[in-house]
């Protein structure tokens, strides 16, 4: 059974389509729970993936996961979500360079030394 695992467009823009199990395992490894574990990295990674797999199996048994439609049909809600996401990405591609150019002088000042102190409020 294939399932829709998150934002497909964002995953492709990151260069990979990750399974939800991997995303959950990564989030677990970033959590404070994993930072307290003193184990070899491969053992910790295996454990995180096992936990993620168990969570998804439990969610499936409770009917919390929905399979992808067989005919590639998407609900109107999903189509609207994908349309908004595509618009937001296109907007950032167009406006992003302008925003970066506007912020560049501020970044250069911060990198080259402390920002000058402004007037004090009284």
PDB file of N, CA and C in Angstrom:
ATOM      1  N   UNK A   1       0.851  -1.179   0.000  1.00  0.00           N
ATOM      2  CA  UNK A   1       0.000   0.000   0.000  1.00  0.00           C
ATOM      3  C   UNK A   1       0.891   1.234   0.000  1.00  0.00           C
ATOM      4  N   UNK A   2       0.731   2.083  -0.995  1.00  0.00           N
ATOM      5  CA  UNK A   2       1.466   3.339  -1.033  1.00  0.00           C
ATOM      6  C   UNK A   2       0.677   4.379  -0.253  1.00  0.00           C
ATOM      7  N   UNK A   3       1.390   5.235   0.409  1.00  0.00           N
ATOM      8  CA  UNK A   3       0.752   6.310   1.147  1.00  0.00           C
ATOM      9  C   UNK A   3       1.368   7.633   0.746  1.00  0.00           C
ATOM     10  N   UNK A   4       0.601   8.695   0.886  1.00  0.00           N
ATOM     11  CA  UNK A   4       1.100  10.039   0.614  1.00  0.00           C
ATOM     12  C   UNK A   4       1.897  10.472   1.834  1.00  0.00           C
ATOM     13  N   UNK A   5       3.200  10.649   1.666  1.00  0.00           N
ATOM     14  CA  UNK A   5       4.066  10.994   2.787  1.00  0.00           C
ATOM     15  C   UNK A   5       4.494  12.443   2.709  1.00  0.00           C
ATOM     16  N   UNK A   6       3.633  13.340   3.075  1.00  0.00           N
ATOM     17  CA  UNK A   6       4.032  14.736   3.185  1.00  0.00           C
ATOM     18  C   UNK A   6       4.033  15.487   1.874  1.00  0.00           C
ATOM     19  N   UNK A   7       4.840  16.514   1.832  1.00  0.00           N
ATOM     20  CA  UNK A   7       4.864  17.469   0.739  1.00  0.00           C
ATOM     21  C   UNK A   7       5.803  16.988  -0.365  1.00  0.00           C
ATOM     22  N   UNK A   8       5.255  16.440  -1.429  1.00  0.00           N
ATOM     23  CA  UNK A   8       6.040  15.871  -2.510  1.00  0.00           C
ATOM     24  C   UNK A   8       6.885  16.938  -3.195  1.00  0.00           C
ATOM     25  N   UNK A   9       6.318  18.107  -3.458  1.00  0.00           N
ATOM     26  CA  UNK A   9       7.063  19.159  -4.147  1.00  0.00           C
ATOM     27  C   UNK A   9       8.265  19.607  -3.332  1.00  0.00           C
ATOM     28  N   UNK A  10       8.096  19.798  -2.029  1.00  0.00           N
ATOM     29  CA  UNK A  10       9.210  20.205  -1.179  1.00  0.00           C
ATOM     30  C   UNK A  10      10.280  19.120  -1.151  1.00  0.00           C
ATOM     31  N   UNK A  11       9.879  17.869  -1.108  1.00  0.00           N
ATOM     32  CA  UNK A  11      10.839  16.773  -1.087  1.00  0.00           C
ATOM     33  C   UNK A  11      11.664  16.762  -2.372  1.00  0.00           C
ATOM     34  N   UNK A  12      11.019  16.946  -3.511  1.00  0.00           N
ATOM     35  CA  UNK A  12      11.763  16.957  -4.760  1.00  0.00           C
ATOM     36  C   UNK A  12      12.693  18.162  -4.829  1.00  0.00           C
ATOM     37  N   UNK A  13      12.275  19.303  -4.280  1.00  0.00           N
ATOM     38  CA  UNK A  13      13.156  20.469  -4.300  1.00  0.00           C
ATOM     39  C   UNK A  13      14.369  20.240  -3.414  1.00  0.00           C
ATOM     40  N   UNK A  14      14.243  19.376  -2.416  1.00  0.00           N
ATOM     41  CA  UNK A  14      15.381  19.003  -1.576  1.00  0.00           C
ATOM     42  C   UNK A  14      16.223  17.905  -2.222  1.00  0.00           C
ATOM     43  N   UNK A  15      15.808  17.398  -3.368  1.00  0.00           N
ATOM     44  CA  UNK A  15      16.593  16.415  -4.095  1.00  0.00           C
ATOM     45  C   UNK A  15      16.294  14.981  -3.741  1.00  0.00           C
ATOM     46  N   UNK A  16      15.241  14.756  -2.984  1.00  0.00           N
ATOM     47  CA  UNK A  16      14.952  13.383  -2.570  1.00  0.00           C
ATOM     48  C   UNK A  16      13.470  13.273  -2.218  1.00  0.00           C
ATOM     49  N   UNK A  17      12.927  12.088  -2.409  1.00  0.00           N
ATOM     50  CA  UNK A  17      11.580  11.796  -1.926  1.00  0.00           C
ATOM     51  C   UNK A  17      11.739  10.796  -0.802  1.00  0.00           C
ATOM     52  N   UNK A  18      11.638  11.264   0.428  1.00  0.00           N
ATOM     53  CA  UNK A  18      11.852  10.397   1.584  1.00  0.00           C
ATOM     54  C   UNK A  18      10.560   9.736   2.019  1.00  0.00           C
ATOM     55  N   UNK A  19      10.701   8.538   2.458  1.00  0.00           N
ATOM     56  CA  UNK A  19       9.614   7.804   3.075  1.00  0.00           C
ATOM     57  C   UNK A  19       9.327   8.451   4.432  1.00  0.00           C
ATOM     58  N   UNK A  20       8.094   8.429   4.846  1.00  0.00           N
ATOM     59  CA  UNK A  20       7.726   9.029   6.124  1.00  0.00           C
ATOM     60  C   UNK A  20       8.480   8.379   7.285  1.00  0.00           C
ATOM     61  N   UNK A  21       8.793   7.083   7.164  1.00  0.00           N
ATOM     62  CA  UNK A  21       9.558   6.426   8.227  1.00  0.00           C
ATOM     63  C   UNK A  21      10.897   7.120   8.438  1.00  0.00           C
ATOM     64  N   UNK A  22      11.546   7.497   7.354  1.00  0.00           N
ATOM     65  CA  UNK A  22      12.839   8.173   7.464  1.00  0.00           C
ATOM     66  C   UNK A  22      12.668   9.561   8.079  1.00  0.00           C
ATOM     67  N   UNK A  23      11.634  10.283   7.673  1.00  0.00           N
ATOM     68  CA  UNK A  23      11.387  11.603   8.250  1.00  0.00           C
ATOM     69  C   UNK A  23      11.137  11.492   9.756  1.00  0.00           C
ATOM     70  N   UNK A  24      10.329  10.522  10.169  1.00  0.00           N
ATOM     71  CA  UNK A  24      10.069  10.331  11.593  1.00  0.00           C
ATOM     72  C   UNK A  24      11.341   9.949  12.338  1.00  0.00           C
ATOM     73  N   UNK A  25      12.145   9.080  11.757  1.00  0.00           N
ATOM     74  CA  UNK A  25      13.395   8.661  12.401  1.00  0.00           C
ATOM     75  C   UNK A  25      14.332   9.854  12.572  1.00  0.00           C
ATOM     76  N   UNK A  26      14.428  10.703  11.559  1.00  0.00           N
ATOM     77  CA  UNK A  26      15.292  11.884  11.649  1.00  0.00           C
ATOM     78  C   UNK A  26      14.800  12.818  12.747  1.00  0.00           C
ATOM     79  N   UNK A  27      13.494  13.034  12.810  1.00  0.00           N
ATOM     80  CA  UNK A  27      12.940  13.887  13.870  1.00  0.00           C
ATOM     81  C   UNK A  27      13.217  13.291  15.249  1.00  0.00           C
ATOM     82  N   UNK A  28      13.118  11.975  15.358  1.00  0.00           N
ATOM     83  CA  UNK A  28      13.416  11.307  16.633  1.00  0.00           C
ATOM     84  C   UNK A  28      14.881  11.531  17.006  1.00  0.00           C
ATOM     85  N   UNK A  29      15.780  11.407  16.028  1.00  0.00           N
ATOM     86  CA  UNK A  29      17.211  11.581  16.301  1.00  0.00           C
ATOM     87  C   UNK A  29      17.539  13.017  16.701  1.00  0.00           C
ATOM     88  N   UNK A  30      16.742  13.989  16.244  1.00  0.00           N
ATOM     89  CA  UNK A  30      16.969  15.387  16.611  1.00  0.00           C
ATOM     90  C   UNK A  30      16.356  15.734  17.965  1.00  0.00           C
ATOM     91  N   UNK A  31      15.524  14.849  18.502  1.00  0.00           N
ATOM     92  CA  UNK A  31      14.808  15.141  19.742  1.00  0.00           C
ATOM     93  C   UNK A  31      15.697  14.936  20.958  1.00  0.00           C
ATOM     94  N   UNK A  32      15.312  15.518  22.091  1.00  0.00           N
ATOM     95  CA  UNK A  32      16.061  15.309  23.330  1.00  0.00           C
ATOM     96  C   UNK A  32      16.082  13.840  23.761  1.00  0.00           C
ATOM     97  N   UNK A  33      15.079  13.075  23.368  1.00  0.00           N
ATOM     98  CA  UNK A  33      15.053  11.653  23.733  1.00  0.00           C
ATOM     99  C   UNK A  33      16.279  10.923  23.201  1.00  0.00           C
ATOM    100  N   UNK A  34      16.658  11.210  21.973  1.00  0.00           N
ATOM    101  CA  UNK A  34      17.790  10.526  21.356  1.00  0.00           C
ATOM    102  C   UNK A  34      19.117  11.062  21.871  1.00  0.00           C
ATOM    103  N   UNK A  35      19.151  12.313  22.316  1.00  0.00           N
ATOM    104  CA  UNK A  35      20.416  12.878  22.779  1.00  0.00           C
ATOM    105  C   UNK A  35      20.886  12.242  24.083  1.00  0.00           C
ATOM    106  N   UNK A  36      19.970  11.648  24.832  1.00  0.00           N
ATOM    107  CA  UNK A  36      20.325  11.003  26.093  1.00  0.00           C
ATOM    108  C   UNK A  36      20.828   9.578  25.906  1.00  0.00           C
ATOM    109  N   UNK A  37      20.694   9.031  24.702  1.00  0.00           N
ATOM    110  CA  UNK A  37      21.079   7.642  24.451  1.00  0.00           C
ATOM    111  C   UNK A  37      22.558   7.583  24.092  1.00  0.00           C
ATOM    112  N   UNK A  38      23.271   6.698  24.762  1.00  0.00           N
ATOM    113  CA  UNK A  38      24.694   6.521  24.474  1.00  0.00           C
ATOM    114  C   UNK A  38      24.839   5.209  23.711  1.00  0.00           C
ATOM    115  N   UNK A  39      24.792   5.286  22.390  1.00  0.00           N
ATOM    116  CA  UNK A  39      24.868   4.089  21.540  1.00  0.00           C
ATOM    117  C   UNK A  39      25.641   4.426  20.274  1.00  0.00           C
ATOM    118  N   UNK A  40      26.075   3.386  19.605  1.00  0.00           N
ATOM    119  CA  UNK A  40      26.756   3.571  18.325  1.00  0.00           C
ATOM    120  C   UNK A  40      25.773   4.175  17.328  1.00  0.00           C
ATOM    121  N   UNK A  41      26.256   5.032  16.411  1.00  0.00           N
ATOM    122  CA  UNK A  41      25.347   5.682  15.454  1.00  0.00           C
ATOM    123  C   UNK A  41      24.497   4.708  14.651  1.00  0.00           C
ATOM    124  N   UNK A  42      25.079   3.583  14.209  1.00  0.00           N
ATOM    125  CA  UNK A  42      24.278   2.647  13.415  1.00  0.00           C
ATOM    126  C   UNK A  42      23.202   1.986  14.264  1.00  0.00           C
ATOM    127  N   UNK A  43      23.484   1.710  15.543  1.00  0.00           N
ATOM    128  CA  UNK A  43      22.467   1.144  16.433  1.00  0.00           C
ATOM    129  C   UNK A  43      21.353   2.148  16.701  1.00  0.00           C
ATOM    130  N   UNK A  44      21.733   3.402  16.900  1.00  0.00           N
ATOM    131  CA  UNK A  44      20.741   4.438  17.159  1.00  0.00           C
ATOM    132  C   UNK A  44      19.862   4.675  15.934  1.00  0.00           C
ATOM    133  N   UNK A  45      20.481   4.675  14.743  1.00  0.00           N
ATOM    134  CA  UNK A  45      19.711   4.863  13.503  1.00  0.00           C
ATOM    135  C   UNK A  45      18.740   3.709  13.286  1.00  0.00           C
ATOM    136  N   UNK A  46      19.206   2.494  13.544  1.00  0.00           N
ATOM    137  CA  UNK A  46      18.342   1.323  13.389  1.00  0.00           C
ATOM    138  C   UNK A  46      17.166   1.402  14.357  1.00  0.00           C
ATOM    139  N   UNK A  47      17.449   1.789  15.591  1.00  0.00           N
ATOM    140  CA  UNK A  47      16.392   1.909  16.595  1.00  0.00           C
ATOM    141  C   UNK A  47      15.372   2.981  16.187  1.00  0.00           C
ATOM    142  N   UNK A  48      15.865   4.134  15.702  1.00  0.00           N
ATOM    143  CA  UNK A  48      14.965   5.213  15.296  1.00  0.00           C
ATOM    144  C   UNK A  48      14.060   4.760  14.142  1.00  0.00           C
ATOM    145  N   UNK A  49      14.622   4.039  13.180  1.00  0.00           N
ATOM    146  CA  UNK A  49      13.800   3.534  12.076  1.00  0.00           C
ATOM    147  C   UNK A  49      12.802   2.487  12.549  1.00  0.00           C
ATOM    148  N   UNK A  50      13.207   1.647  13.518  1.00  0.00           N
ATOM    149  CA  UNK A  50      12.276   0.659  14.065  1.00  0.00           C
ATOM    150  C   UNK A  50      11.110   1.341  14.777  1.00  0.00           C
ATOM    151  N   UNK A  51      11.403   2.391  15.536  1.00  0.00           N
ATOM    152  CA  UNK A  51      10.350   3.139  16.228  1.00  0.00           C
ATOM    153  C   UNK A  51       9.402   3.770  15.207  1.00  0.00           C
ATOM    154  N   UNK A  52       9.965   4.374  14.170  1.00  0.00           N
ATOM    155  CA  UNK A  52       9.146   5.004  13.137  1.00  0.00           C
ATOM    156  C   UNK A  52       8.265   3.976  12.429  1.00  0.00           C
ATOM    157  N   UNK A  53       8.828   2.820  12.126  1.00  0.00           N
ATOM    158  CA  UNK A  53       8.051   1.758  11.471  1.00  0.00           C
ATOM    159  C   UNK A  53       6.915   1.300  12.367  1.00  0.00           C
ATOM    160  N   UNK A  54       7.203   1.132  13.651  1.00  0.00           N
ATOM    161  CA  UNK A  54       6.164   0.725  14.588  1.00  0.00           C
ATOM    162  C   UNK A  54       5.049   1.767  14.654  1.00  0.00           C
ATOM    163  N   UNK A  55       5.424   3.050  14.701  1.00  0.00           N
ATOM    164  CA  UNK A  55       4.410   4.113  14.750  1.00  0.00           C
ATOM    165  C   UNK A  55       3.505   4.079  13.523  1.00  0.00           C
ATOM    166  N   UNK A  56       4.092   3.891  12.347  1.00  0.00           N
ATOM    167  CA  UNK A  56       3.280   3.853  11.128  1.00  0.00           C
ATOM    168  C   UNK A  56       2.417   2.604  11.062  1.00  0.00           C
ATOM    169  N   UNK A  57       2.946   1.469  11.517  1.00  0.00           N
ATOM    170  CA  UNK A  57       2.143   0.244  11.541  1.00  0.00           C
ATOM    171  C   UNK A  57       0.948   0.418  12.470  1.00  0.00           C
ATOM    172  N   UNK A  58       1.194   1.033  13.619  1.00  0.00           N
ATOM    173  CA  UNK A  58       0.106   1.270  14.574  1.00  0.00           C
ATOM    174  C   UNK A  58      -0.916   2.251  13.990  1.00  0.00           C
ATOM    175  N   UNK A  59      -0.434   3.303  13.328  1.00  0.00           N
ATOM    176  CA  UNK A  59      -1.342   4.270  12.708  1.00  0.00           C
ATOM    177  C   UNK A  59      -2.187   3.606  11.621  1.00  0.00           C
ATOM    178  N   UNK A  60      -1.566   2.721  10.830  1.00  0.00           N
ATOM    179  CA  UNK A  60      -2.310   2.021   9.780  1.00  0.00           C
ATOM    180  C   UNK A  60      -3.367   1.102  10.381  1.00  0.00           C
ATOM    181  N   UNK A  61      -3.021   0.429  11.463  1.00  0.00           N
ATOM    182  CA  UNK A  61      -3.996  -0.475  12.089  1.00  0.00           C
ATOM    183  C   UNK A  61      -5.182   0.297  12.660  1.00  0.00           C
ATOM    184  N   UNK A  62      -4.984   1.561  12.983  1.00  0.00           N
ATOM    185  CA  UNK A  62      -6.068   2.391  13.526  1.00  0.00           C
ATOM    186  C   UNK A  62      -6.784   3.198  12.435  1.00  0.00           C
ATOM    187  N   UNK A  63      -6.371   2.999  11.180  1.00  0.00           N
ATOM    188  CA  UNK A  63      -7.033   3.686  10.078  1.00  0.00           C
ATOM    189  C   UNK A  63      -6.635   5.143   9.939  1.00  0.00           C
ATOM    190  N   UNK A  64      -5.458   5.501  10.417  1.00  0.00           N
ATOM    191  CA  UNK A  64      -5.026   6.889  10.374  1.00  0.00           C
ATOM    192  C   UNK A  64      -4.246   7.246   9.110  1.00  0.00           C
ATOM    193  N   UNK A  65      -3.919   6.270   8.279  1.00  0.00           N
ATOM    194  CA  UNK A  65      -3.233   6.514   7.012  1.00  0.00           C
ATOM    195  C   UNK A  65      -4.197   6.230   5.866  1.00  0.00           C
ATOM    196  N   UNK A  66      -4.146   7.068   4.851  1.00  0.00           N
ATOM    197  CA  UNK A  66      -5.017   6.881   3.694  1.00  0.00           C
ATOM    198  C   UNK A  66      -4.170   6.508   2.491  1.00  0.00           C
ATOM    199  N   UNK A  67      -4.575   5.488   1.739  1.00  0.00           N
ATOM    200  CA  UNK A  67      -3.804   5.124   0.542  1.00  0.00           C
ATOM    201  C   UNK A  67      -3.977   6.162  -0.559  1.00  0.00           C
ATOM    202  N   UNK A  68      -2.994   6.230  -1.438  1.00  0.00           N
ATOM    203  CA  UNK A  68      -3.115   7.103  -2.598  1.00  0.00           C
ATOM    204  C   UNK A  68      -4.222   6.583  -3.501  1.00  0.00           C
ATOM    205  N   UNK A  69      -4.933   7.472  -4.173  1.00  0.00           N
ATOM    206  CA  UNK A  69      -5.972   7.010  -5.094  1.00  0.00           C
ATOM    207  C   UNK A  69      -5.359   6.238  -6.251  1.00  0.00           C
ATOM    208  N   UNK A  70      -6.028   5.176  -6.680  1.00  0.00           N
ATOM    209  CA  UNK A  70      -5.524   4.333  -7.763  1.00  0.00           C
ATOM    210  C   UNK A  70      -5.492   5.064  -9.100  1.00  0.00           C
ATOM    211  N   UNK A  71      -6.429   5.982  -9.313  1.00  0.00           N
ATOM    212  CA  UNK A  71      -6.539   6.663 -10.602  1.00  0.00           C
ATOM    213  C   UNK A  71      -5.816   8.007 -10.623  1.00  0.00           C
ATOM    214  N   UNK A  72      -4.916   8.238  -9.681  1.00  0.00           N
ATOM    215  CA  UNK A  72      -4.182   9.494  -9.552  1.00  0.00           C
ATOM    216  C   UNK A  72      -5.099  10.678  -9.272  1.00  0.00           C
ATOM    217  N   UNK A  73      -6.301  10.417  -8.886  1.00  0.00           N
ATOM    218  CA  UNK A  73      -7.219  11.490  -8.547  1.00  0.00           C
ATOM    219  C   UNK A  73      -6.909  12.025  -7.158  1.00  0.00           C
ATOM    220  N   UNK A  74      -6.962  13.327  -7.010  1.00  0.00           N
ATOM    221  CA  UNK A  74      -6.728  13.954  -5.720  1.00  0.00           C
ATOM    222  C   UNK A  74      -7.982  14.693  -5.297  1.00  0.00           C
ATOM    223  N   UNK A  75      -8.179  14.773  -4.016  1.00  0.00           N
ATOM    224  CA  UNK A  75      -9.334  15.508  -3.512  1.00  0.00           C
ATOM    225  C   UNK A  75      -9.154  16.989  -3.819  1.00  0.00           C
ATOM    226  N   UNK A  76     -10.239  17.723  -3.773  1.00  0.00           N
ATOM    227  CA  UNK A  76     -10.147  19.161  -4.047  1.00  0.00           C
ATOM    228  C   UNK A  76      -9.269  19.847  -3.008  1.00  0.00           C
ATOM    229  N   UNK A  77      -9.303  19.368  -1.775  1.00  0.00           N
ATOM    230  CA  UNK A  77      -8.461  19.944  -0.725  1.00  0.00           C
ATOM    231  C   UNK A  77      -6.986  19.740  -1.065  1.00  0.00           C
ATOM    232  N   UNK A  78      -6.621  18.534  -1.517  1.00  0.00           N
ATOM    233  CA  UNK A  78      -5.231  18.262  -1.856  1.00  0.00           C
ATOM    234  C   UNK A  78      -4.803  19.061  -3.088  1.00  0.00           C
ATOM    235  N   UNK A  79      -5.689  19.183  -4.075  1.00  0.00           N
ATOM    236  CA  UNK A  79      -5.351  19.982  -5.257  1.00  0.00           C
ATOM    237  C   UNK A  79      -5.107  21.436  -4.864  1.00  0.00           C
ATOM    238  N   UNK A  80      -5.961  21.979  -3.995  1.00  0.00           N
ATOM    239  CA  UNK A  80      -5.779  23.360  -3.538  1.00  0.00           C
ATOM    240  C   UNK A  80      -4.475  23.507  -2.767  1.00  0.00           C
ATOM    241  N   UNK A  81      -4.144  22.528  -1.932  1.00  0.00           N
ATOM    242  CA  UNK A  81      -2.898  22.559  -1.169  1.00  0.00           C
ATOM    243  C   UNK A  81      -1.689  22.567  -2.107  1.00  0.00           C
ATOM    244  N   UNK A  82      -1.690  21.691  -3.098  1.00  0.00           N
ATOM    245  CA  UNK A  82      -0.580  21.621  -4.043  1.00  0.00           C
ATOM    246  C   UNK A  82      -0.471  22.901  -4.863  1.00  0.00           C
ATOM    247  N   UNK A  83      -1.612  23.469  -5.231  1.00  0.00           N
ATOM    248  CA  UNK A  83      -1.615  24.716  -5.996  1.00  0.00           C
ATOM    249  C   UNK A  83      -1.009  25.856  -5.168  1.00  0.00           C
ATOM    250  N   UNK A  84      -1.407  25.956  -3.881  1.00  0.00           N
ATOM    251  CA  UNK A  84      -0.845  26.986  -2.997  1.00  0.00           C
ATOM    252  C   UNK A  84       0.656  26.789  -2.822  1.00  0.00           C
ATOM    253  N   UNK A  85       1.056  25.540  -2.645  1.00  0.00           N
ATOM    254  CA  UNK A  85       2.470  25.241  -2.446  1.00  0.00           C
ATOM    255  C   UNK A  85       3.280  25.616  -3.682  1.00  0.00           C
ATOM    256  N   UNK A  86       2.774  25.276  -4.863  1.00  0.00           N
ATOM    257  CA  UNK A  86       3.482  25.609  -6.105  1.00  0.00           C
ATOM    258  C   UNK A  86       3.566  27.123  -6.289  1.00  0.00           C
ATOM    259  N   UNK A  87       2.491  27.836  -5.959  1.00  0.00           N
ATOM    260  CA  UNK A  87       2.515  29.298  -6.065  1.00  0.00           C
ATOM    261  C   UNK A  87       3.544  29.897  -5.113  1.00  0.00           C
ATOM    262  N   UNK A  88       3.591  29.385  -3.891  1.00  0.00           N
ATOM    263  CA  UNK A  88       4.540  29.902  -2.904  1.00  0.00           C
ATOM    264  C   UNK A  88       5.971  29.668  -3.366  1.00  0.00           C
ATOM    265  N   UNK A  89       6.249  28.497  -3.932  1.00  0.00           N
ATOM    266  CA  UNK A  89       7.603  28.223  -4.412  1.00  0.00           C
ATOM    267  C   UNK A  89       7.960  29.102  -5.601  1.00  0.00           C
ATOM    268  N   UNK A  90       7.023  29.290  -6.503  1.00  0.00           N
ATOM    269  CA  UNK A  90       7.284  30.156  -7.661  1.00  0.00           C
ATOM    270  C   UNK A  90       7.498  31.596  -7.199  1.00  0.00           C
ATOM    271  N   UNK A  91       6.715  32.047  -6.242  1.00  0.00           N
ATOM    272  CA  UNK A  91       6.856  33.398  -5.708  1.00  0.00           C
ATOM    273  C   UNK A  91       8.246  33.594  -5.096  1.00  0.00           C
ATOM    274  N   UNK A  92       8.709  32.618  -4.324  1.00  0.00           N
ATOM    275  CA  UNK A  92      10.027  32.732  -3.691  1.00  0.00           C
ATOM    276  C   UNK A  92      11.152  32.719  -4.728  1.00  0.00           C
ATOM    277  N   UNK A  93      10.963  31.993  -5.822  1.00  0.00           N
ATOM    278  CA  UNK A  93      11.987  31.987  -6.867  1.00  0.00           C
ATOM    279  C   UNK A  93      12.080  33.353  -7.541  1.00  0.00           C
ATOM    280  N   UNK A  94      10.956  34.039  -7.659  1.00  0.00           N
ATOM    281  CA  UNK A  94      10.944  35.350  -8.303  1.00  0.00           C
ATOM    282  C   UNK A  94      11.390  36.440  -7.330  1.00  0.00           C
ATOM    283  N   UNK A  95      10.865  36.411  -6.111  1.00  0.00           N
ATOM    284  CA  UNK A  95      11.108  37.481  -5.148  1.00  0.00           C
ATOM    285  C   UNK A  95      12.355  37.225  -4.294  1.00  0.00           C
ATOM    286  N   UNK A  96      12.746  35.965  -4.158  1.00  0.00           N
ATOM    287  CA  UNK A  96      13.877  35.619  -3.305  1.00  0.00           C
ATOM    288  C   UNK A  96      15.146  36.395  -3.599  1.00  0.00           C
ATOM    289  N   UNK A  97      15.588  36.485  -4.870  1.00  0.00           N
ATOM    290  CA  UNK A  97      16.801  37.256  -5.155  1.00  0.00           C
ATOM    291  C   UNK A  97      16.688  38.737  -4.767  1.00  0.00           C
ATOM    292  N   UNK A  98      15.501  39.323  -4.955  1.00  0.00           N
ATOM    293  CA  UNK A  98      15.299  40.724  -4.563  1.00  0.00           C
ATOM    294  C   UNK A  98      15.440  40.870  -3.053  1.00  0.00           C
ATOM    295  N   UNK A  99      14.827  39.967  -2.298  1.00  0.00           N
ATOM    296  CA  UNK A  99      14.916  40.021  -0.838  1.00  0.00           C
ATOM    297  C   UNK A  99      16.359  39.852  -0.383  1.00  0.00           C
ATOM    298  N   UNK A 100      17.068  38.919  -0.997  1.00  0.00           N
ATOM    299  CA  UNK A 100      18.470  38.692  -0.631  1.00  0.00           C
ATOM    300  C   UNK A 100      19.306  39.930  -0.930  1.00  0.00           C
ATOM    301  N   UNK A 101      19.041  40.591  -2.059  1.00  0.00           N
ATOM    302  CA  UNK A 101      19.788  41.790  -2.420  1.00  0.00           C
ATOM    303  C   UNK A 101      19.499  42.922  -1.432  1.00  0.00           C
ATOM    304  N   UNK A 102      18.242  43.045  -1.014  1.00  0.00           N
ATOM    305  CA  UNK A 102      17.881  44.081  -0.037  1.00  0.00           C
ATOM    306  C   UNK A 102      18.553  43.837   1.321  1.00  0.00           C
ATOM    307  N   UNK A 103      18.709  42.581   1.699  1.00  0.00           N
ATOM    308  CA  UNK A 103      19.277  42.249   3.007  1.00  0.00           C
ATOM    309  C   UNK A 103      20.805  42.207   2.986  1.00  0.00           C
ATOM    310  N   UNK A 104      21.411  42.158   1.808  1.00  0.00           N
ATOM    311  CA  UNK A 104      22.862  41.988   1.707  1.00  0.00           C
ATOM    312  C   UNK A 104      23.646  43.069   2.454  1.00  0.00           C
ATOM    313  N   UNK A 105      23.297  44.363   2.358  1.00  0.00           N
ATOM    314  CA  UNK A 105      24.065  45.369   3.108  1.00  0.00           C
ATOM    315  C   UNK A 105      23.999  45.146   4.621  1.00  0.00           C
ATOM    316  N   UNK A 106      22.850  44.726   5.127  1.00  0.00           N
ATOM    317  CA  UNK A 106      22.714  44.475   6.562  1.00  0.00           C
ATOM    318  C   UNK A 106      23.592  43.303   6.979  1.00  0.00           C
ATOM    319  N   UNK A 107      23.635  42.269   6.153  1.00  0.00           N
ATOM    320  CA  UNK A 107      24.452  41.098   6.452  1.00  0.00           C
ATOM    321  C   UNK A 107      25.927  41.472   6.421  1.00  0.00           C
ATOM    322  N   UNK A 108      26.334  42.267   5.433  1.00  0.00           N
ATOM    323  CA  UNK A 108      27.736  42.673   5.316  1.00  0.00           C
ATOM    324  C   UNK A 108      28.168  43.473   6.541  1.00  0.00           C
ATOM    325  N   UNK A 109      27.334  44.363   7.020  1.00  0.00           N
ATOM    326  CA  UNK A 109      27.659  45.150   8.214  1.00  0.00           C
ATOM    327  C   UNK A 109      27.806  44.227   9.411  1.00  0.00           C
ATOM    328  N   UNK A 110      26.882  43.279   9.554  1.00  0.00           N
ATOM    329  CA  UNK A 110      26.943  42.352  10.680  1.00  0.00           C
ATOM    330  C   UNK A 110      28.166  41.459  10.626  1.00  0.00           C
ATOM    331  N   UNK A 111      28.608  41.082   9.446  1.00  0.00           N
ATOM    332  CA  UNK A 111      29.766  40.212   9.290  1.00  0.00           C
ATOM    333  C   UNK A 111      31.055  40.988   9.524  1.00  0.00           C
ATOM    334  N   UNK A 112      31.102  42.225   9.045  1.00  0.00           N
ATOM    335  CA  UNK A 112      32.329  43.022   9.128  1.00  0.00           C
ATOM    336  C   UNK A 112      32.519  43.707  10.473  1.00  0.00           C
ATOM    337  N   UNK A 113      31.591  43.626  11.341  1.00  0.00           N
ATOM    338  CA  UNK A 113      31.730  44.246  12.662  1.00  0.00           C
ATOM    339  C   UNK A 113      30.375  44.442  13.291  1.00  0.00           C
ATOM    340  N   UNK A 114      30.367  44.891  14.518  1.00  0.00           N
ATOM    341  CA  UNK A 114      29.080  45.091  15.193  1.00  0.00           C
ATOM    342  C   UNK A 114      28.296  46.221  14.548  1.00  0.00           C
ATOM    343  N   UNK A 115      27.010  46.093  14.636  1.00  0.00           N
ATOM    344  CA  UNK A 115      26.155  47.144  14.122  1.00  0.00           C
ATOM    345  C   UNK A 115      26.291  48.370  15.025  1.00  0.00           C
ATOM    346  N   UNK A 116      26.230  49.544  14.454  1.00  0.00           N
ATOM    347  CA  UNK A 116      26.338  50.742  15.298  1.00  0.00           C
ATOM    348  C   UNK A 116      25.143  50.822  16.241  1.00  0.00           C
ATOM    349  N   UNK A 117      25.418  51.313  17.436  1.00  0.00           N
ATOM    350  CA  UNK A 117      24.340  51.466  18.423  1.00  0.00           C
ATOM    351  C   UNK A 117      23.417  52.563  17.980  1.00  0.00           C
ATOM    352  N   UNK A 118      22.163  52.341  18.101  1.00  0.00           N
ATOM    353  CA  UNK A 118      21.179  53.350  17.748  1.00  0.00           C
ATOM    354  C   UNK A 118      20.932  54.287  18.902  1.00  0.00           C
ATOM    355  N   UNK A 119      20.097  55.284  18.691  1.00  0.00           N
ATOM    356  CA  UNK A 119      19.792  56.210  19.792  1.00  0.00           C
ATOM    357  C   UNK A 119      19.073  55.499  20.912  1.00  0.00           C
ATOM    358  N   UNK A 120      19.376  55.899  22.122  1.00  0.00           N
ATOM    359  CA  UNK A 120      18.728  55.284  23.281  1.00  0.00           C
ATOM    360  C   UNK A 120      17.345  55.869  23.489  1.00  0.00           C
ATOM    361  N   UNK A 121      16.450  55.018  23.860  1.00  0.00           N
ATOM    362  CA  UNK A 121      15.089  55.477  24.183  1.00  0.00           C
ATOM    363  C   UNK A 121      15.082  55.967  25.618  1.00  0.00           C
ATOM    364  N   UNK A 122      14.304  56.990  25.831  1.00  0.00           N
ATOM    365  CA  UNK A 122      14.212  57.509  27.196  1.00  0.00           C
ATOM    366  C   UNK A 122      12.865  57.294  27.766  1.00  0.00           C
TER     367      UNK A 122
END
